[in-house]
Amino acid sequence: MPMIKPVSELRNYPDVLKNVKVGHPVYLTKNGTGRYVLIDIEDYSVVEAAGRLSFELMRGRTSGETDGWISKEDMRAHFGERAHV
């Protein structure tokens, strides 16, 4: 069950931080509306890595659509060479 607290609870931040655990963020509301999320640094690293991966995939797709796609054989040769370095 998600942990949801009003942002005013941060006045007693040690208690709020005790509730932040890996895989269990604390959602903070302001005026009854979700506004902030406190997450464990390990979870943040995963979110950050997913964002970087998504960005790189988008760059690859854009490159393929604008510059053209490479053949399967060229792709295998490229990664085959890199794997043996």
Protein backbone atom coordinates (compact mmCIF):
# COMPACT_ATOMS: atom_id res chain seq x y z
CA MET A 1 0.00 0.00 0.00
CA PRO A 2 1.48 3.38 -0.96
CA MET A 3 2.61 5.74 1.78
CA ILE A 4 0.89 9.10 1.21
CA LYS A 5 1.51 12.05 3.52
CA PRO A 6 0.84 15.77 3.38
CA VAL A 7 3.94 17.85 2.69
CA SER A 8 3.45 19.48 6.10
CA GLU A 9 4.66 16.17 7.60
CA LEU A 10 8.17 17.19 6.53
CA ARG A 11 8.30 19.32 9.67
CA ASN A 12 9.01 16.01 11.33
CA TYR A 13 11.24 14.76 8.50
CA PRO A 14 13.05 11.98 10.42
CA ASP A 15 9.74 10.12 10.75
CA VAL A 16 8.94 10.64 7.06
CA LEU A 17 12.40 9.47 5.98
CA LYS A 18 12.06 6.30 8.07
CA ASN A 19 9.23 5.29 5.74
CA VAL A 20 11.31 5.65 2.56
CA LYS A 21 12.66 2.21 1.63
CA VAL A 22 13.84 0.53 -1.56
CA GLY A 23 10.74 -0.09 -3.64
CA HIS A 24 8.54 1.92 -1.26
CA PRO A 25 8.45 5.63 -2.08
CA VAL A 26 6.64 8.18 0.05
CA TYR A 27 4.21 10.37 -1.87
CA LEU A 28 3.74 13.90 -0.58
CA THR A 29 0.60 15.93 -1.22
CA LYS A 30 0.10 19.67 -1.21
CA ASN A 31 -3.44 20.95 -0.78
CA GLY A 32 -4.70 17.39 -1.24
CA THR A 33 -3.00 16.87 -4.61
CA GLY A 34 0.02 14.67 -5.28
CA ARG A 35 3.05 16.91 -5.62
CA TYR A 36 6.33 15.21 -4.63
CA VAL A 37 7.84 11.75 -4.25
CA LEU A 38 10.63 10.73 -1.89
CA ILE A 39 12.50 7.66 -3.12
CA ASP A 40 15.50 5.68 -1.97
CA ILE A 41 18.76 6.47 -3.81
CA GLU A 42 18.85 2.92 -5.22
CA ASP A 43 15.43 3.44 -6.79
CA TYR A 44 16.57 6.82 -8.11
CA SER A 45 19.55 5.16 -9.81
CA VAL A 46 17.18 2.76 -11.58
CA VAL A 47 14.92 5.61 -12.70
CA GLU A 48 17.92 7.59 -13.93
CA ALA A 49 19.31 4.60 -15.87
CA ALA A 50 15.91 3.94 -17.45
CA GLY A 51 15.75 7.57 -18.56
CA ARG A 52 19.21 7.38 -20.13
CA LEU A 53 18.32 4.12 -21.90
CA SER A 54 15.08 5.59 -23.22
CA PHE A 55 16.95 8.66 -24.51
CA GLU A 56 19.58 6.54 -26.28
CA LEU A 57 16.90 4.31 -27.84
CA MET A 58 15.11 7.41 -29.11
CA ARG A 59 18.39 8.73 -30.58
CA GLY A 60 18.94 5.40 -32.33
CA ARG A 61 15.46 5.34 -33.76
CA THR A 62 15.72 8.94 -34.94
CA SER A 63 19.08 8.18 -36.54
CA GLY A 64 17.65 5.14 -38.31
CA GLU A 65 14.68 7.09 -39.60
CA THR A 66 16.74 10.06 -40.83
CA ASP A 67 20.02 8.42 -41.93
CA GLY A 68 18.65 5.01 -42.85
CA TRP A 69 18.80 1.63 -41.15
CA ILE A 70 21.73 -0.76 -41.38
CA SER A 71 21.33 -4.33 -42.50
CA LYS A 72 21.23 -7.25 -40.07
CA GLU A 73 24.53 -8.48 -41.45
CA ASP A 74 26.23 -5.10 -40.87
CA MET A 75 24.79 -4.97 -37.35
CA ARG A 76 26.04 -8.47 -36.55
CA ALA A 77 29.47 -7.66 -37.96
CA HIS A 78 29.65 -4.44 -35.94
CA PHE A 79 28.71 -6.04 -32.63
CA GLY A 80 30.64 -9.22 -33.39
CA GLU A 81 33.80 -7.16 -33.84
CA ARG A 82 33.17 -5.22 -30.62
CA ALA A 83 32.55 -8.41 -28.66
CA HIS A 84 35.93 -9.83 -29.68
CA VAL A 85 37.98 -6.75 -28.81
